[in-house]
Amino acid sequence: MNHLMNAIGRMFEGFSAGTPLGKFAIAAGSLITAFYSPIAALLVACFAFTIVDLIYGLKVAKKLKKKIKSSKSWKGTLSKLEHEFVIISLARLLEFAVLDDTGVFVLTGGATVIIGLTELWSILENLNTLNPSGPWRILGKFLKKKGEDYTGIDLELKEHDGDS
């Protein structure tokens, strides 16, 4: 066992070039990897939904002949990805530090489901705009009804005339 520890110590020294900054970088990288590795699939799932939503949003803009500014679309998508990353990271921090539970992903999983459903809803709206008679119309109505039942909020977007 002592021989193994010496080998690990020599390898650590080699990777860090023996400098304090190198050792810090390796330790920080290890901590970040240990923190994010368990939730990597959740992050990838959220990011995939967001990218698919971007693609269908661009198709809708093209169909409606709206001027597409790639820099604006990309900045908006990067902003969404950043917010998703922060939300899932904070949920992970609560699980890791406060709940002291590293194996159950109730908060991170829940945040991922909410983000994924929100993006899915947007994708369904885009698909409905592209093809209003498609089968996703029924799924969209079902999700809207369930969302309204669950939250008690009317999810229909209405025009405001400034009277309220």
N, C-alpha and C. Protein backbone atom coordinates (compact mmCIF):
# COMPACT_ATOMS: atom_id res chain seq x y z
N MET A 1 0.82 -1.19 0.00
CA MET A 1 0.00 0.00 0.00
C MET A 1 0.87 1.26 0.00
N ASN A 2 1.95 1.23 0.77
CA ASN A 2 2.85 2.37 0.83
C ASN A 2 3.48 2.62 -0.53
N HIS A 3 3.79 1.54 -1.26
CA HIS A 3 4.39 1.66 -2.59
C HIS A 3 3.41 2.37 -3.55
N LEU A 4 2.13 2.03 -3.44
CA LEU A 4 1.11 2.66 -4.27
C LEU A 4 0.98 4.15 -3.97
N MET A 5 1.01 4.51 -2.70
CA MET A 5 0.91 5.92 -2.31
C MET A 5 2.11 6.72 -2.82
N ASN A 6 3.29 6.12 -2.76
CA ASN A 6 4.47 6.78 -3.29
C ASN A 6 4.35 6.99 -4.79
N ALA A 7 3.82 6.00 -5.50
CA ALA A 7 3.65 6.11 -6.95
C ALA A 7 2.66 7.22 -7.29
N ILE A 8 1.57 7.29 -6.53
CA ILE A 8 0.58 8.35 -6.76
C ILE A 8 1.19 9.72 -6.47
N GLY A 9 1.96 9.82 -5.40
CA GLY A 9 2.62 11.08 -5.07
C GLY A 9 3.59 11.52 -6.16
N ARG A 10 4.37 10.58 -6.69
CA ARG A 10 5.30 10.92 -7.78
C ARG A 10 4.54 11.34 -9.04
N MET A 11 3.46 10.68 -9.33
CA MET A 11 2.65 11.03 -10.50
C MET A 11 2.05 12.43 -10.33
N PHE A 12 1.55 12.73 -9.15
CA PHE A 12 0.99 14.04 -8.85
C PHE A 12 2.05 15.13 -9.02
N GLU A 13 3.24 14.87 -8.51
CA GLU A 13 4.36 15.81 -8.64
C GLU A 13 4.72 16.01 -10.11
N GLY A 14 4.68 14.93 -10.88
CA GLY A 14 5.02 15.03 -12.30
C GLY A 14 4.01 15.85 -13.07
N PHE A 15 2.73 15.61 -12.81
CA PHE A 15 1.69 16.35 -13.51
C PHE A 15 1.70 17.83 -13.15
N SER A 16 1.98 18.14 -11.91
CA SER A 16 1.93 19.52 -11.47
C SER A 16 3.25 20.25 -11.66
N ALA A 17 4.24 19.55 -12.15
CA ALA A 17 5.59 20.10 -12.33
C ALA A 17 6.16 20.57 -11.00
N GLY A 18 5.63 20.07 -9.90
CA GLY A 18 6.13 20.39 -8.58
C GLY A 18 5.83 21.80 -8.12
N THR A 19 5.05 22.57 -8.88
CA THR A 19 4.76 23.96 -8.50
C THR A 19 3.47 24.02 -7.70
N PRO A 20 3.36 24.98 -6.80
CA PRO A 20 2.12 25.13 -6.04
C PRO A 20 0.91 25.42 -6.95
N LEU A 21 1.11 26.23 -7.99
CA LEU A 21 0.02 26.52 -8.91
C LEU A 21 -0.43 25.26 -9.65
N GLY A 22 0.51 24.44 -10.04
CA GLY A 22 0.18 23.18 -10.71
C GLY A 22 -0.60 22.26 -9.80
N LYS A 23 -0.16 22.17 -8.54
CA LYS A 23 -0.88 21.33 -7.57
C LYS A 23 -2.29 21.86 -7.33
N PHE A 24 -2.42 23.18 -7.23
CA PHE A 24 -3.74 23.78 -7.04
C PHE A 24 -4.64 23.49 -8.24
N ALA A 25 -4.09 23.62 -9.44
CA ALA A 25 -4.88 23.38 -10.65
C ALA A 25 -5.37 21.93 -10.71
N ILE A 26 -4.52 21.00 -10.36
CA ILE A 26 -4.92 19.58 -10.37
C ILE A 26 -5.99 19.33 -9.30
N ALA A 27 -5.79 19.88 -8.12
CA ALA A 27 -6.78 19.69 -7.05
C ALA A 27 -8.12 20.33 -7.43
N ALA A 28 -8.09 21.54 -7.99
CA ALA A 28 -9.33 22.21 -8.38
C ALA A 28 -10.03 21.43 -9.49
N GLY A 29 -9.27 20.96 -10.46
CA GLY A 29 -9.85 20.17 -11.53
C GLY A 29 -10.48 18.89 -11.02
N SER A 30 -9.83 18.27 -10.04
CA SER A 30 -10.37 17.05 -9.45
C SER A 30 -11.68 17.31 -8.71
N LEU A 31 -11.73 18.40 -7.96
CA LEU A 31 -12.96 18.75 -7.24
C LEU A 31 -14.10 19.07 -8.20
N ILE A 32 -13.81 19.82 -9.24
CA ILE A 32 -14.84 20.16 -10.22
C ILE A 32 -15.35 18.91 -10.92
N THR A 33 -14.43 18.03 -11.28
CA THR A 33 -14.82 16.77 -11.93
C THR A 33 -15.69 15.92 -11.00
N ALA A 34 -15.30 15.83 -9.75
CA ALA A 34 -16.06 15.04 -8.78
C ALA A 34 -17.45 15.63 -8.56
N PHE A 35 -17.56 16.95 -8.62
CA PHE A 35 -18.84 17.62 -8.39
C PHE A 35 -19.78 17.45 -9.59
N TYR A 36 -19.26 17.59 -10.83
CA TYR A 36 -20.10 17.60 -12.01
C TYR A 36 -20.26 16.24 -12.70
N SER A 37 -19.36 15.31 -12.49
CA SER A 37 -19.46 14.01 -13.16
C SER A 37 -20.80 13.32 -12.94
N PRO A 38 -21.32 13.28 -11.71
CA PRO A 38 -22.60 12.58 -11.51
C PRO A 38 -23.79 13.22 -12.23
N ILE A 39 -23.70 14.51 -12.54
CA ILE A 39 -24.84 15.18 -13.17
C ILE A 39 -24.56 15.54 -14.63
N ALA A 40 -23.50 15.01 -15.20
CA ALA A 40 -23.15 15.33 -16.58
C ALA A 40 -24.28 14.98 -17.54
N ALA A 41 -24.91 13.83 -17.36
CA ALA A 41 -26.00 13.43 -18.26
C ALA A 41 -27.19 14.39 -18.15
N LEU A 42 -27.45 14.89 -16.94
CA LEU A 42 -28.55 15.84 -16.77
C LEU A 42 -28.26 17.15 -17.50
N LEU A 43 -27.02 17.61 -17.40
CA LEU A 43 -26.63 18.83 -18.11
C LEU A 43 -26.72 18.64 -19.62
N VAL A 44 -26.24 17.50 -20.11
CA VAL A 44 -26.29 17.22 -21.55
C VAL A 44 -27.74 17.17 -22.02
N ALA A 45 -28.62 16.56 -21.23
CA ALA A 45 -30.04 16.49 -21.61
C ALA A 45 -30.65 17.88 -21.73
N CYS A 46 -30.40 18.73 -20.75
CA CYS A 46 -30.93 20.10 -20.80
C CYS A 46 -30.37 20.85 -22.00
N PHE A 47 -29.08 20.73 -22.21
CA PHE A 47 -28.45 21.44 -23.31
C PHE A 47 -28.98 20.94 -24.65
N ALA A 48 -29.24 19.63 -24.76
CA ALA A 48 -29.77 19.07 -26.01
C ALA A 48 -31.16 19.63 -26.30
N PHE A 49 -32.03 19.69 -25.27
CA PHE A 49 -33.36 20.28 -25.45
C PHE A 49 -33.25 21.72 -25.93
N THR A 50 -32.33 22.48 -25.36
CA THR A 50 -32.18 23.89 -25.72
C THR A 50 -31.70 24.04 -27.16
N ILE A 51 -30.76 23.21 -27.59
CA ILE A 51 -30.25 23.29 -28.96
C ILE A 51 -31.35 22.90 -29.95
N VAL A 52 -32.12 21.85 -29.64
CA VAL A 52 -33.23 21.45 -30.51
C VAL A 52 -34.26 22.57 -30.59
N ASP A 53 -34.55 23.22 -29.46
CA ASP A 53 -35.48 24.35 -29.46
C ASP A 53 -34.95 25.47 -30.34
N LEU A 54 -33.66 25.75 -30.29
CA LEU A 54 -33.05 26.77 -31.14
C LEU A 54 -33.25 26.42 -32.61
N ILE A 55 -33.00 25.18 -32.97
CA ILE A 55 -33.12 24.76 -34.37
C ILE A 55 -34.55 24.95 -34.87
N TYR A 56 -35.52 24.49 -34.07
CA TYR A 56 -36.91 24.65 -34.50
C TYR A 56 -37.35 26.11 -34.45
N GLY A 57 -36.83 26.88 -33.53
CA GLY A 57 -37.12 28.32 -33.50
C GLY A 57 -36.63 29.02 -34.75
N LEU A 58 -35.45 28.63 -35.23
CA LEU A 58 -34.92 29.20 -36.46
C LEU A 58 -35.78 28.80 -37.66
N LYS A 59 -36.27 27.56 -37.67
CA LYS A 59 -37.14 27.11 -38.75
C LYS A 59 -38.44 27.91 -38.77
N VAL A 60 -38.99 28.17 -37.58
CA VAL A 60 -40.22 28.96 -37.49
C VAL A 60 -39.97 30.38 -37.97
N ALA A 61 -38.86 30.97 -37.56
CA ALA A 61 -38.54 32.33 -37.99
C ALA A 61 -38.39 32.39 -39.51
N LYS A 62 -37.78 31.37 -40.07
CA LYS A 62 -37.62 31.32 -41.53
C LYS A 62 -38.98 31.18 -42.21
N LYS A 63 -39.85 30.34 -41.67
CA LYS A 63 -41.19 30.14 -42.24
C LYS A 63 -42.00 31.43 -42.18
N LEU A 64 -41.89 32.14 -41.06
CA LEU A 64 -42.65 33.38 -40.88
C LEU A 64 -41.94 34.58 -41.52
N LYS A 65 -40.83 34.30 -42.19
CA LYS A 65 -40.03 35.33 -42.89
C LYS A 65 -39.59 36.45 -41.96
N LYS A 66 -39.24 36.05 -40.73
CA LYS A 66 -38.67 37.01 -39.79
C LYS A 66 -37.18 37.08 -40.03
N LYS A 67 -36.65 38.27 -39.89
CA LYS A 67 -35.21 38.43 -40.08
C LYS A 67 -34.48 37.75 -38.93
N ILE A 68 -33.57 36.86 -39.28
CA ILE A 68 -32.84 36.10 -38.27
C ILE A 68 -31.47 36.73 -38.09
N LYS A 69 -31.18 37.11 -36.86
CA LYS A 69 -29.85 37.61 -36.54
C LYS A 69 -29.16 36.50 -35.77
N SER A 70 -28.19 35.89 -36.41
CA SER A 70 -27.54 34.73 -35.78
C SER A 70 -26.88 35.10 -34.47
N SER A 71 -26.32 36.30 -34.38
CA SER A 71 -25.66 36.69 -33.14
C SER A 71 -26.68 36.79 -32.00
N LYS A 72 -27.88 37.32 -32.30
CA LYS A 72 -28.92 37.44 -31.28
C LYS A 72 -29.43 36.06 -30.86
N SER A 73 -29.67 35.18 -31.84
CA SER A 73 -30.15 33.83 -31.53
C SER A 73 -29.11 33.08 -30.71
N TRP A 74 -27.86 33.19 -31.11
CA TRP A 74 -26.80 32.47 -30.42
C TRP A 74 -26.60 33.01 -29.01
N LYS A 75 -26.63 34.35 -28.85
CA LYS A 75 -26.48 34.93 -27.52
C LYS A 75 -27.63 34.52 -26.62
N GLY A 76 -28.85 34.49 -27.15
CA GLY A 76 -30.00 34.05 -26.36
C GLY A 76 -29.86 32.61 -25.93
N THR A 77 -29.40 31.77 -26.85
CA THR A 77 -29.22 30.35 -26.53
C THR A 77 -28.10 30.16 -25.50
N LEU A 78 -27.00 30.88 -25.68
CA LEU A 78 -25.92 30.79 -24.70
C LEU A 78 -26.39 31.27 -23.32
N SER A 79 -27.21 32.29 -23.30
CA SER A 79 -27.75 32.78 -22.03
C SER A 79 -28.63 31.71 -21.37
N LYS A 80 -29.49 31.05 -22.17
CA LYS A 80 -30.33 29.98 -21.63
C LYS A 80 -29.46 28.84 -21.10
N LEU A 81 -28.44 28.46 -21.85
CA LEU A 81 -27.55 27.39 -21.40
C LEU A 81 -26.86 27.77 -20.10
N GLU A 82 -26.44 29.02 -20.00
CA GLU A 82 -25.79 29.50 -18.78
C GLU A 82 -26.75 29.41 -17.59
N HIS A 83 -27.99 29.86 -17.78
CA HIS A 83 -28.97 29.82 -16.70
C HIS A 83 -29.29 28.39 -16.29
N GLU A 84 -29.41 27.51 -17.27
CA GLU A 84 -29.68 26.09 -16.97
C GLU A 84 -28.52 25.51 -16.16
N PHE A 85 -27.29 25.83 -16.58
CA PHE A 85 -26.11 25.34 -15.88
C PHE A 85 -26.10 25.83 -14.44
N VAL A 86 -26.42 27.09 -14.23
CA VAL A 86 -26.42 27.67 -12.88
C VAL A 86 -27.50 27.02 -12.02
N ILE A 87 -28.70 26.85 -12.57
CA ILE A 87 -29.80 26.26 -11.80
C ILE A 87 -29.46 24.83 -11.38
N ILE A 88 -28.98 24.03 -12.32
CA ILE A 88 -28.65 22.64 -12.01
C ILE A 88 -27.46 22.57 -11.06
N SER A 89 -26.49 23.46 -11.23
CA SER A 89 -25.33 23.48 -10.33
C SER A 89 -25.73 23.83 -8.91
N LEU A 90 -26.63 24.82 -8.77
CA LEU A 90 -27.08 25.20 -7.43
C LEU A 90 -27.90 24.08 -6.79
N ALA A 91 -28.70 23.40 -7.59
CA ALA A 91 -29.44 22.25 -7.05
C ALA A 91 -28.46 21.17 -6.60
N ARG A 92 -27.43 20.95 -7.38
CA ARG A 92 -26.40 19.96 -7.01
C ARG A 92 -25.69 20.39 -5.72
N LEU A 93 -25.40 21.69 -5.60
CA LEU A 93 -24.74 22.19 -4.39
C LEU A 93 -25.61 21.95 -3.16
N LEU A 94 -26.92 22.17 -3.29
CA LEU A 94 -27.82 21.89 -2.17
C LEU A 94 -27.78 20.41 -1.80
N GLU A 95 -27.84 19.55 -2.81
CA GLU A 95 -27.79 18.11 -2.53
C GLU A 95 -26.46 17.72 -1.90
N PHE A 96 -25.40 18.27 -2.40
CA PHE A 96 -24.05 17.88 -1.99
C PHE A 96 -23.69 18.44 -0.62
N ALA A 97 -23.95 19.73 -0.41
CA ALA A 97 -23.49 20.39 0.81
C ALA A 97 -24.54 20.41 1.92
N VAL A 98 -25.76 20.73 1.57
CA VAL A 98 -26.78 20.92 2.59
C VAL A 98 -27.45 19.59 2.95
N LEU A 99 -27.90 18.86 1.95
CA LEU A 99 -28.59 17.59 2.22
C LEU A 99 -27.62 16.45 2.49
N ASP A 100 -26.35 16.66 2.18
CA ASP A 100 -25.30 15.67 2.39
C ASP A 100 -25.68 14.33 1.75
N ASP A 101 -26.22 14.43 0.54
CA ASP A 101 -26.64 13.24 -0.18
C ASP A 101 -26.05 13.31 -1.58
N THR A 102 -25.08 12.48 -1.85
CA THR A 102 -24.40 12.55 -3.14
C THR A 102 -24.95 11.55 -4.14
N GLY A 103 -25.76 10.60 -3.73
CA GLY A 103 -26.22 9.56 -4.64
C GLY A 103 -27.64 9.73 -5.14
N VAL A 104 -28.42 10.60 -4.53
CA VAL A 104 -29.80 10.79 -4.95
C VAL A 104 -29.91 12.19 -5.56
N PHE A 105 -30.44 12.25 -6.75
CA PHE A 105 -30.48 13.52 -7.47
C PHE A 105 -31.91 14.04 -7.59
N VAL A 106 -32.54 14.23 -6.45
CA VAL A 106 -33.93 14.70 -6.44
C VAL A 106 -34.00 16.14 -6.93
N LEU A 107 -33.17 17.00 -6.39
CA LEU A 107 -33.22 18.42 -6.79
C LEU A 107 -32.68 18.63 -8.19
N THR A 108 -31.54 18.04 -8.50
CA THR A 108 -30.98 18.21 -9.85
C THR A 108 -31.86 17.55 -10.89
N GLY A 109 -32.38 16.38 -10.56
CA GLY A 109 -33.29 15.70 -11.48
C GLY A 109 -34.57 16.49 -11.68
N GLY A 110 -35.11 17.02 -10.58
CA GLY A 110 -36.32 17.83 -10.68
C GLY A 110 -36.11 19.09 -11.50
N ALA A 111 -34.98 19.77 -11.27
CA ALA A 111 -34.67 20.96 -12.06
C ALA A 111 -34.53 20.60 -13.54
N THR A 112 -33.89 19.47 -13.81
CA THR A 112 -33.71 19.03 -15.19
C THR A 112 -35.06 18.73 -15.84
N VAL A 113 -35.95 18.08 -15.12
CA VAL A 113 -37.28 17.78 -15.67
C VAL A 113 -38.03 19.06 -15.98
N ILE A 114 -38.01 20.02 -15.07
CA ILE A 114 -38.72 21.29 -15.29
C ILE A 114 -38.14 22.02 -16.50
N ILE A 115 -36.82 22.10 -16.58
CA ILE A 115 -36.18 22.76 -17.72
C ILE A 115 -36.50 22.01 -19.01
N GLY A 116 -36.39 20.69 -18.96
CA GLY A 116 -36.67 19.89 -20.15
C GLY A 116 -38.11 20.02 -20.62
N LEU A 117 -39.06 20.01 -19.70
CA LEU A 117 -40.46 20.18 -20.08
C LEU A 117 -40.74 21.57 -20.65
N THR A 118 -40.09 22.58 -20.09
CA THR A 118 -40.26 23.93 -20.62
C THR A 118 -39.74 24.01 -22.05
N GLU A 119 -38.57 23.43 -22.28
CA GLU A 119 -38.01 23.42 -23.63
C GLU A 119 -38.86 22.57 -24.56
N LEU A 120 -39.36 21.44 -24.07
CA LEU A 120 -40.21 20.58 -24.88
C LEU A 120 -41.48 21.31 -25.28
N TRP A 121 -42.03 22.07 -24.37
CA TRP A 121 -43.23 22.85 -24.66
C TRP A 121 -42.93 23.85 -25.79
N SER A 122 -41.79 24.51 -25.71
CA SER A 122 -41.39 25.46 -26.75
C SER A 122 -41.19 24.75 -28.09
N ILE A 123 -40.60 23.57 -28.05
CA ILE A 123 -40.41 22.79 -29.28
C ILE A 123 -41.77 22.42 -29.87
N LEU A 124 -42.72 22.00 -29.02
CA LEU A 124 -44.06 21.66 -29.50
C LEU A 124 -44.76 22.87 -30.11
N GLU A 125 -44.59 24.04 -29.51
CA GLU A 125 -45.17 25.26 -30.09
C GLU A 125 -44.56 25.54 -31.45
N ASN A 126 -43.24 25.36 -31.57
CA ASN A 126 -42.58 25.57 -32.86
C ASN A 126 -43.07 24.57 -33.89
N LEU A 127 -43.20 23.31 -33.48
CA LEU A 127 -43.71 22.28 -34.41
C LEU A 127 -45.14 22.60 -34.82
N ASN A 128 -45.93 23.09 -33.89
CA ASN A 128 -47.31 23.45 -34.20
C ASN A 128 -47.36 24.61 -35.19
N THR A 129 -46.43 25.54 -35.09
CA THR A 129 -46.37 26.65 -36.03
C THR A 129 -45.94 26.15 -37.41
N LEU A 130 -44.99 25.23 -37.43
CA LEU A 130 -44.52 24.68 -38.71
C LEU A 130 -45.58 23.83 -39.38
N ASN A 131 -46.32 23.04 -38.61
CA ASN A 131 -47.34 22.15 -39.15
C ASN A 131 -48.48 22.05 -38.14
N PRO A 132 -49.47 22.95 -38.24
CA PRO A 132 -50.55 22.99 -37.25
C PRO A 132 -51.41 21.72 -37.16
N SER A 133 -51.39 20.90 -38.18
CA SER A 133 -52.21 19.69 -38.14
C SER A 133 -51.43 18.46 -37.71
N GLY A 134 -50.21 18.66 -37.23
CA GLY A 134 -49.36 17.54 -36.81
C GLY A 134 -49.84 16.90 -35.52
N PRO A 135 -49.32 15.71 -35.23
CA PRO A 135 -49.74 14.98 -34.02
C PRO A 135 -49.31 15.65 -32.71
N TRP A 136 -48.36 16.55 -32.76
CA TRP A 136 -47.87 17.22 -31.54
C TRP A 136 -48.90 18.18 -30.99
N ARG A 137 -49.91 18.54 -31.77
CA ARG A 137 -50.96 19.45 -31.29
C ARG A 137 -51.69 18.83 -30.09
N ILE A 138 -51.98 17.54 -30.19
CA ILE A 138 -52.67 16.84 -29.10
C ILE A 138 -51.78 16.80 -27.87
N LEU A 139 -50.50 16.49 -28.07
CA LEU A 139 -49.56 16.44 -26.95
C LEU A 139 -49.42 17.82 -26.30
N GLY A 140 -49.36 18.87 -27.10
CA GLY A 140 -49.28 20.23 -26.57
C GLY A 140 -50.50 20.59 -25.73
N LYS A 141 -51.69 20.21 -26.23
CA LYS A 141 -52.91 20.48 -25.46
C LYS A 141 -52.92 19.70 -24.16
N PHE A 142 -52.47 18.46 -24.21
CA PHE A 142 -52.41 17.62 -23.01
C PHE A 142 -51.46 18.23 -21.97
N LEU A 143 -50.27 18.64 -22.41
CA LEU A 143 -49.30 19.24 -21.49
C LEU A 143 -49.83 20.55 -20.91
N LYS A 144 -50.51 21.35 -21.73
CA LYS A 144 -51.08 22.61 -21.25
C LYS A 144 -52.14 22.34 -20.19
N LYS A 145 -53.02 21.38 -20.45
CA LYS A 145 -54.09 21.03 -19.50
C LYS A 145 -53.49 20.53 -18.19
N LYS A 146 -52.51 19.62 -18.28
CA LYS A 146 -51.88 19.09 -17.07
C LYS A 146 -51.15 20.19 -16.30
N GLY A 147 -50.49 21.08 -17.02
CA GLY A 147 -49.80 22.19 -16.38
C GLY A 147 -50.75 23.12 -15.67
N GLU A 148 -51.88 23.41 -16.30
CA GLU A 148 -52.88 24.27 -15.67
C GLU A 148 -53.48 23.58 -14.44
N ASP A 149 -53.76 22.28 -14.54
CA ASP A 149 -54.31 21.55 -13.40
C ASP A 149 -53.32 21.52 -12.24
N TYR A 150 -52.06 21.30 -12.56
CA TYR A 150 -51.04 21.17 -11.52
C TYR A 150 -50.75 22.50 -10.83
N THR A 151 -50.64 23.57 -11.63
CA THR A 151 -50.27 24.86 -11.06
C THR A 151 -51.45 25.72 -10.65
N GLY A 152 -52.64 25.43 -11.23
CA GLY A 152 -53.80 26.27 -10.95
C GLY A 152 -53.73 27.61 -11.66
N ILE A 153 -52.88 27.71 -12.69
CA ILE A 153 -52.68 28.95 -13.43
C ILE A 153 -53.13 28.73 -14.86
N ASP A 154 -53.86 29.72 -15.42
CA ASP A 154 -54.25 29.66 -16.82
C ASP A 154 -53.00 29.93 -17.66
N LEU A 155 -52.60 28.94 -18.44
CA LEU A 155 -51.37 29.05 -19.21
C LEU A 155 -51.57 29.65 -20.59
N GLU A 156 -52.77 30.04 -20.91
CA GLU A 156 -53.04 30.64 -22.21
C GLU A 156 -52.51 32.07 -22.21
N LEU A 157 -51.72 32.40 -23.23
CA LEU A 157 -51.19 33.75 -23.34
C LEU A 157 -52.29 34.66 -23.89
N LYS A 158 -52.57 35.74 -23.20
CA LYS A 158 -53.62 36.66 -23.63
C LYS A 158 -53.01 38.04 -23.83
N GLU A 159 -53.65 38.79 -24.72
CA GLU A 159 -53.21 40.14 -24.98
C GLU A 159 -53.62 41.02 -23.80
N HIS A 160 -52.75 41.92 -23.40
CA HIS A 160 -53.05 42.87 -22.33
C HIS A 160 -53.32 44.22 -22.98
N ASP A 161 -54.39 44.85 -22.56
CA ASP A 161 -54.70 46.17 -23.14
C ASP A 161 -54.40 47.30 -22.16
N GLY A 162 -53.74 46.98 -21.07
CA GLY A 162 -53.33 48.01 -20.12
C GLY A 162 -54.38 48.36 -19.08
N ASP A 163 -55.53 47.64 -19.07
CA ASP A 163 -56.59 47.93 -18.11
C ASP A 163 -56.32 47.36 -16.74
N SER A 164 -55.54 46.31 -16.66
CA SER A 164 -55.34 45.65 -15.38
C SER A 164 -54.39 46.41 -14.57
